[in-house]
Amino acid sequence: MRTDNQEELGFCQSVALAVIRLKRQLEHDYEEAYPGLRDIIPTIVDQEEKNAWQLSSFPHLLLPALLEVRWRLLTTKFKSEPTSTNKVEPERDAELASLQSPTGITRARAALVGCLNE
């Protein structure tokens, strides 16, 4: 019979494995879309993974959204467009303009947390 500690450990391992798999897929997708930025993509993914873990016990649910916000800010700032739109297709919308500052990023992260709490 499994104890609560064993079940909790199993859950933590499952979440960690899901995050690892998701990170690999996201890195691959962004490297394919932005081959000239291959060197910085793993760093950006790692930073947003850290933010996702700080916000939730389910970081794999937040990581894609956090990474998308971060990537939109970077591509807007440096005017980098994807060479392939097969995998990553940034949406152009009015909300993007409001996310152009550190305050906007904080608001976006707070909104994600708010959604989880509902």
N, C-alpha and C. Protein backbone atom coordinates (compact mmCIF):
# COMPACT_ATOMS: atom_id res chain seq x y z
N MET A 1 0.84 -1.18 0.00
CA MET A 1 0.00 0.00 0.00
C MET A 1 0.88 1.24 0.00
N ARG A 2 0.52 2.21 -0.81
CA ARG A 2 1.29 3.45 -0.91
C ARG A 2 0.93 4.40 0.21
N THR A 3 1.93 5.08 0.73
CA THR A 3 1.69 6.08 1.76
C THR A 3 1.50 7.44 1.10
N ASP A 4 1.07 8.40 1.90
CA ASP A 4 0.89 9.76 1.38
C ASP A 4 2.20 10.33 0.85
N ASN A 5 3.30 10.02 1.54
CA ASN A 5 4.60 10.52 1.09
C ASN A 5 4.98 9.93 -0.26
N GLN A 6 4.69 8.66 -0.46
CA GLN A 6 4.99 8.02 -1.74
C GLN A 6 4.14 8.62 -2.85
N GLU A 7 2.87 8.88 -2.56
CA GLU A 7 1.98 9.48 -3.56
C GLU A 7 2.44 10.89 -3.91
N GLU A 8 2.85 11.66 -2.89
CA GLU A 8 3.33 13.02 -3.12
C GLU A 8 4.61 12.99 -3.95
N LEU A 9 5.51 12.05 -3.63
CA LEU A 9 6.74 11.92 -4.39
C LEU A 9 6.44 11.55 -5.84
N GLY A 10 5.50 10.65 -6.04
CA GLY A 10 5.10 10.26 -7.39
C GLY A 10 4.53 11.43 -8.17
N PHE A 11 3.72 12.25 -7.50
CA PHE A 11 3.16 13.43 -8.14
C PHE A 11 4.26 14.41 -8.53
N CYS A 12 5.18 14.67 -7.60
CA CYS A 12 6.28 15.60 -7.88
C CYS A 12 7.14 15.12 -9.04
N GLN A 13 7.40 13.83 -9.08
CA GLN A 13 8.18 13.27 -10.18
C GLN A 13 7.43 13.40 -11.50
N SER A 14 6.13 13.20 -11.47
CA SER A 14 5.33 13.33 -12.69
C SER A 14 5.34 14.76 -13.21
N VAL A 15 5.20 15.73 -12.31
CA VAL A 15 5.23 17.14 -12.71
C VAL A 15 6.61 17.50 -13.25
N ALA A 16 7.66 17.06 -12.56
CA ALA A 16 9.02 17.36 -13.02
C ALA A 16 9.28 16.77 -14.40
N LEU A 17 8.83 15.56 -14.63
CA LEU A 17 8.99 14.93 -15.94
C LEU A 17 8.20 15.67 -17.01
N ALA A 18 7.00 16.10 -16.68
CA ALA A 18 6.19 16.87 -17.63
C ALA A 18 6.89 18.19 -17.99
N VAL A 19 7.50 18.83 -17.02
CA VAL A 19 8.21 20.09 -17.28
C VAL A 19 9.42 19.85 -18.18
N ILE A 20 10.17 18.80 -17.92
CA ILE A 20 11.34 18.48 -18.74
C ILE A 20 10.93 18.23 -20.19
N ARG A 21 9.90 17.44 -20.38
CA ARG A 21 9.43 17.15 -21.74
C ARG A 21 8.93 18.42 -22.44
N LEU A 22 8.19 19.21 -21.71
CA LEU A 22 7.66 20.45 -22.29
C LEU A 22 8.78 21.41 -22.66
N LYS A 23 9.77 21.54 -21.79
CA LYS A 23 10.90 22.42 -22.09
C LYS A 23 11.61 21.99 -23.36
N ARG A 24 11.84 20.70 -23.51
CA ARG A 24 12.50 20.20 -24.73
C ARG A 24 11.69 20.57 -25.97
N GLN A 25 10.38 20.37 -25.89
CA GLN A 25 9.52 20.66 -27.04
C GLN A 25 9.49 22.16 -27.34
N LEU A 26 9.37 22.98 -26.30
CA LEU A 26 9.35 24.43 -26.51
C LEU A 26 10.67 24.92 -27.09
N GLU A 27 11.78 24.43 -26.56
CA GLU A 27 13.09 24.83 -27.09
C GLU A 27 13.19 24.44 -28.57
N HIS A 28 12.76 23.24 -28.89
CA HIS A 28 12.82 22.79 -30.28
C HIS A 28 11.95 23.69 -31.17
N ASP A 29 10.75 23.98 -30.74
CA ASP A 29 9.84 24.82 -31.53
C ASP A 29 10.41 26.21 -31.76
N TYR A 30 10.92 26.82 -30.70
CA TYR A 30 11.47 28.17 -30.84
C TYR A 30 12.78 28.18 -31.63
N GLU A 31 13.60 27.17 -31.47
CA GLU A 31 14.84 27.09 -32.25
C GLU A 31 14.55 26.91 -33.73
N GLU A 32 13.50 26.18 -34.04
CA GLU A 32 13.10 25.99 -35.42
C GLU A 32 12.57 27.29 -36.02
N ALA A 33 11.80 28.01 -35.23
CA ALA A 33 11.22 29.27 -35.71
C ALA A 33 12.24 30.40 -35.75
N TYR A 34 13.19 30.39 -34.84
CA TYR A 34 14.19 31.46 -34.73
C TYR A 34 15.60 30.86 -34.69
N PRO A 35 16.08 30.29 -35.79
CA PRO A 35 17.39 29.61 -35.77
C PRO A 35 18.55 30.55 -35.43
N GLY A 36 18.43 31.82 -35.73
CA GLY A 36 19.50 32.76 -35.42
C GLY A 36 19.63 33.08 -33.95
N LEU A 37 18.63 32.69 -33.15
CA LEU A 37 18.65 32.98 -31.71
C LEU A 37 18.80 31.71 -30.88
N ARG A 38 19.29 30.65 -31.51
CA ARG A 38 19.46 29.36 -30.85
C ARG A 38 20.23 29.44 -29.53
N ASP A 39 21.20 30.33 -29.47
CA ASP A 39 22.05 30.41 -28.28
C ASP A 39 21.32 30.91 -27.03
N ILE A 40 20.32 31.76 -27.22
CA ILE A 40 19.65 32.33 -26.04
C ILE A 40 18.35 31.63 -25.67
N ILE A 41 17.83 30.81 -26.55
CA ILE A 41 16.53 30.18 -26.29
C ILE A 41 16.55 29.31 -25.02
N PRO A 42 17.53 28.43 -24.80
CA PRO A 42 17.51 27.64 -23.56
C PRO A 42 17.55 28.51 -22.30
N THR A 43 18.26 29.61 -22.34
CA THR A 43 18.33 30.50 -21.19
C THR A 43 16.97 31.12 -20.89
N ILE A 44 16.30 31.57 -21.94
CA ILE A 44 14.98 32.17 -21.77
C ILE A 44 13.99 31.14 -21.24
N VAL A 45 14.03 29.94 -21.78
CA VAL A 45 13.13 28.88 -21.32
C VAL A 45 13.42 28.56 -19.84
N ASP A 46 14.68 28.48 -19.46
CA ASP A 46 15.04 28.22 -18.06
C ASP A 46 14.53 29.32 -17.13
N GLN A 47 14.67 30.57 -17.55
CA GLN A 47 14.20 31.68 -16.72
C GLN A 47 12.69 31.63 -16.52
N GLU A 48 11.97 31.35 -17.59
CA GLU A 48 10.52 31.29 -17.45
C GLU A 48 10.06 30.04 -16.71
N GLU A 49 10.84 28.97 -16.79
CA GLU A 49 10.52 27.79 -15.97
C GLU A 49 10.62 28.16 -14.50
N LYS A 50 11.66 28.88 -14.14
CA LYS A 50 11.84 29.31 -12.75
C LYS A 50 10.64 30.15 -12.31
N ASN A 51 10.20 31.07 -13.17
CA ASN A 51 9.03 31.89 -12.84
C ASN A 51 7.78 31.03 -12.69
N ALA A 52 7.62 30.04 -13.55
CA ALA A 52 6.45 29.16 -13.49
C ALA A 52 6.43 28.38 -12.17
N TRP A 53 7.59 27.90 -11.73
CA TRP A 53 7.66 27.16 -10.45
C TRP A 53 7.32 28.08 -9.28
N GLN A 54 7.70 29.36 -9.38
CA GLN A 54 7.40 30.30 -8.30
C GLN A 54 5.91 30.60 -8.22
N LEU A 55 5.24 30.51 -9.35
CA LEU A 55 3.82 30.86 -9.40
C LEU A 55 2.88 29.70 -9.11
N SER A 56 3.33 28.47 -9.34
CA SER A 56 2.39 27.36 -9.28
C SER A 56 3.07 26.03 -9.01
N SER A 57 2.30 25.12 -8.46
CA SER A 57 2.76 23.74 -8.31
C SER A 57 2.57 22.97 -9.62
N PHE A 58 2.00 23.64 -10.61
CA PHE A 58 1.76 23.06 -11.92
C PHE A 58 2.45 23.91 -12.99
N PRO A 59 3.78 24.01 -12.92
CA PRO A 59 4.50 24.92 -13.82
C PRO A 59 4.33 24.59 -15.29
N HIS A 60 4.10 23.34 -15.60
CA HIS A 60 3.95 22.95 -17.01
C HIS A 60 2.69 23.56 -17.62
N LEU A 61 1.75 23.98 -16.79
CA LEU A 61 0.56 24.63 -17.31
C LEU A 61 0.80 26.12 -17.60
N LEU A 62 1.72 26.72 -16.87
CA LEU A 62 2.00 28.14 -17.03
C LEU A 62 3.16 28.44 -17.98
N LEU A 63 4.09 27.52 -18.08
CA LEU A 63 5.31 27.77 -18.84
C LEU A 63 5.07 28.23 -20.28
N PRO A 64 4.20 27.59 -21.05
CA PRO A 64 4.01 28.06 -22.42
C PRO A 64 3.52 29.51 -22.50
N ALA A 65 2.60 29.89 -21.61
CA ALA A 65 2.07 31.25 -21.63
C ALA A 65 3.13 32.27 -21.20
N LEU A 66 3.88 31.94 -20.15
CA LEU A 66 4.94 32.85 -19.70
C LEU A 66 6.00 33.02 -20.79
N LEU A 67 6.34 31.93 -21.41
CA LEU A 67 7.35 31.97 -22.47
C LEU A 67 6.85 32.78 -23.66
N GLU A 68 5.59 32.63 -24.00
CA GLU A 68 5.02 33.39 -25.12
C GLU A 68 5.05 34.89 -24.84
N VAL A 69 4.69 35.28 -23.62
CA VAL A 69 4.74 36.71 -23.27
C VAL A 69 6.17 37.21 -23.36
N ARG A 70 7.09 36.47 -22.79
CA ARG A 70 8.50 36.88 -22.82
C ARG A 70 9.00 36.96 -24.25
N TRP A 71 8.65 35.98 -25.06
CA TRP A 71 9.14 35.95 -26.43
C TRP A 71 8.56 37.09 -27.25
N ARG A 72 7.29 37.39 -27.03
CA ARG A 72 6.68 38.52 -27.73
C ARG A 72 7.40 39.83 -27.40
N LEU A 73 7.73 39.98 -26.13
CA LEU A 73 8.45 41.19 -25.73
C LEU A 73 9.81 41.27 -26.40
N LEU A 74 10.52 40.15 -26.42
CA LEU A 74 11.85 40.13 -27.04
C LEU A 74 11.79 40.36 -28.54
N THR A 75 10.87 39.68 -29.21
CA THR A 75 10.80 39.82 -30.66
C THR A 75 10.33 41.21 -31.05
N THR A 76 9.48 41.82 -30.24
CA THR A 76 9.05 43.18 -30.52
C THR A 76 10.21 44.15 -30.30
N LYS A 77 10.93 43.95 -29.23
CA LYS A 77 12.05 44.84 -28.91
C LYS A 77 13.15 44.75 -29.97
N PHE A 78 13.47 43.55 -30.42
CA PHE A 78 14.57 43.37 -31.36
C PHE A 78 14.09 43.17 -32.79
N LYS A 79 12.78 43.24 -32.99
CA LYS A 79 12.18 43.12 -34.31
C LYS A 79 12.63 41.84 -35.03
N SER A 80 12.65 40.75 -34.29
CA SER A 80 13.02 39.45 -34.85
C SER A 80 11.76 38.71 -35.25
N GLU A 81 11.68 38.31 -36.48
CA GLU A 81 10.52 37.58 -36.98
C GLU A 81 10.90 36.12 -37.20
N PRO A 82 9.96 35.21 -37.02
CA PRO A 82 10.27 33.80 -37.24
C PRO A 82 10.53 33.54 -38.72
N THR A 83 11.42 32.58 -38.97
CA THR A 83 11.68 32.19 -40.35
C THR A 83 10.70 31.12 -40.79
N SER A 84 10.10 30.44 -39.84
CA SER A 84 9.12 29.41 -40.14
C SER A 84 7.93 29.63 -39.21
N THR A 85 6.75 29.67 -39.75
CA THR A 85 5.58 29.87 -38.90
C THR A 85 4.87 28.56 -38.62
N ASN A 86 5.52 27.44 -38.90
CA ASN A 86 4.90 26.15 -38.67
C ASN A 86 4.60 25.90 -37.19
N LYS A 87 5.49 26.29 -36.33
CA LYS A 87 5.37 25.92 -34.93
C LYS A 87 4.95 27.09 -34.04
N VAL A 88 5.56 28.24 -34.21
CA VAL A 88 5.31 29.37 -33.31
C VAL A 88 4.71 30.49 -34.14
N GLU A 89 3.47 30.82 -33.85
CA GLU A 89 2.81 31.89 -34.58
C GLU A 89 2.37 32.95 -33.60
N PRO A 90 3.18 33.99 -33.38
CA PRO A 90 2.77 35.02 -32.42
C PRO A 90 1.51 35.73 -32.89
N GLU A 91 0.56 35.87 -31.98
CA GLU A 91 -0.67 36.58 -32.30
C GLU A 91 -0.42 38.08 -32.14
N ARG A 92 -0.99 38.84 -33.04
CA ARG A 92 -0.90 40.30 -32.95
C ARG A 92 -2.21 40.81 -32.36
N ASP A 93 -2.14 41.37 -31.18
CA ASP A 93 -3.37 41.87 -30.58
C ASP A 93 -3.09 43.09 -29.72
N ALA A 94 -4.13 43.75 -29.28
CA ALA A 94 -3.99 44.98 -28.50
C ALA A 94 -3.33 44.72 -27.15
N GLU A 95 -3.52 43.53 -26.59
CA GLU A 95 -2.93 43.24 -25.29
C GLU A 95 -1.41 43.26 -25.33
N LEU A 96 -0.83 42.93 -26.48
CA LEU A 96 0.62 42.92 -26.60
C LEU A 96 1.20 44.29 -26.27
N ALA A 97 0.56 45.33 -26.73
CA ALA A 97 1.05 46.68 -26.47
C ALA A 97 1.10 46.97 -24.97
N SER A 98 0.15 46.43 -24.21
CA SER A 98 0.15 46.69 -22.77
C SER A 98 1.19 45.87 -22.02
N LEU A 99 1.80 44.90 -22.70
CA LEU A 99 2.80 44.04 -22.05
C LEU A 99 4.23 44.48 -22.35
N GLN A 100 4.40 45.68 -22.84
CA GLN A 100 5.71 46.14 -23.27
C GLN A 100 6.59 46.66 -22.14
N SER A 101 6.17 46.55 -20.91
CA SER A 101 6.96 47.05 -19.80
C SER A 101 7.06 45.98 -18.72
N PRO A 102 8.01 46.14 -17.80
CA PRO A 102 8.09 45.18 -16.68
C PRO A 102 6.78 45.13 -15.89
N THR A 103 6.09 46.25 -15.79
CA THR A 103 4.81 46.28 -15.10
C THR A 103 3.81 45.41 -15.85
N GLY A 104 3.85 45.47 -17.16
CA GLY A 104 2.96 44.64 -17.98
C GLY A 104 3.21 43.17 -17.77
N ILE A 105 4.48 42.78 -17.67
CA ILE A 105 4.81 41.38 -17.43
C ILE A 105 4.27 40.95 -16.07
N THR A 106 4.43 41.81 -15.07
CA THR A 106 3.92 41.51 -13.74
C THR A 106 2.41 41.34 -13.77
N ARG A 107 1.73 42.22 -14.51
CA ARG A 107 0.27 42.11 -14.63
C ARG A 107 -0.12 40.81 -15.33
N ALA A 108 0.62 40.44 -16.36
CA ALA A 108 0.31 39.20 -17.08
C ALA A 108 0.48 38.00 -16.18
N ARG A 109 1.56 37.99 -15.41
CA ARG A 109 1.78 36.86 -14.50
C ARG A 109 0.71 36.83 -13.41
N ALA A 110 0.32 38.00 -12.91
CA ALA A 110 -0.73 38.06 -11.89
C ALA A 110 -2.06 37.56 -12.47
N ALA A 111 -2.32 37.88 -13.71
CA ALA A 111 -3.55 37.40 -14.36
C ALA A 111 -3.55 35.89 -14.48
N LEU A 112 -2.39 35.32 -14.81
CA LEU A 112 -2.30 33.86 -14.89
C LEU A 112 -2.56 33.21 -13.54
N VAL A 113 -2.00 33.80 -12.49
CA VAL A 113 -2.21 33.28 -11.15
C VAL A 113 -3.68 33.41 -10.76
N GLY A 114 -4.29 34.54 -11.11
CA GLY A 114 -5.70 34.75 -10.84
C GLY A 114 -6.58 33.70 -11.49
N CYS A 115 -6.23 33.32 -12.70
CA CYS A 115 -7.00 32.28 -13.41
C CYS A 115 -6.90 30.95 -12.68
N LEU A 116 -5.75 30.68 -12.12
CA LEU A 116 -5.57 29.41 -11.39
C LEU A 116 -6.39 29.38 -10.11
N ASN A 117 -6.56 30.54 -9.49
CA ASN A 117 -7.26 30.61 -8.22
C ASN A 117 -8.78 30.60 -8.37
N GLU A 118 -9.27 30.77 -9.58
CA GLU A 118 -10.73 30.80 -9.79
C GLU A 118 -11.33 29.41 -9.77
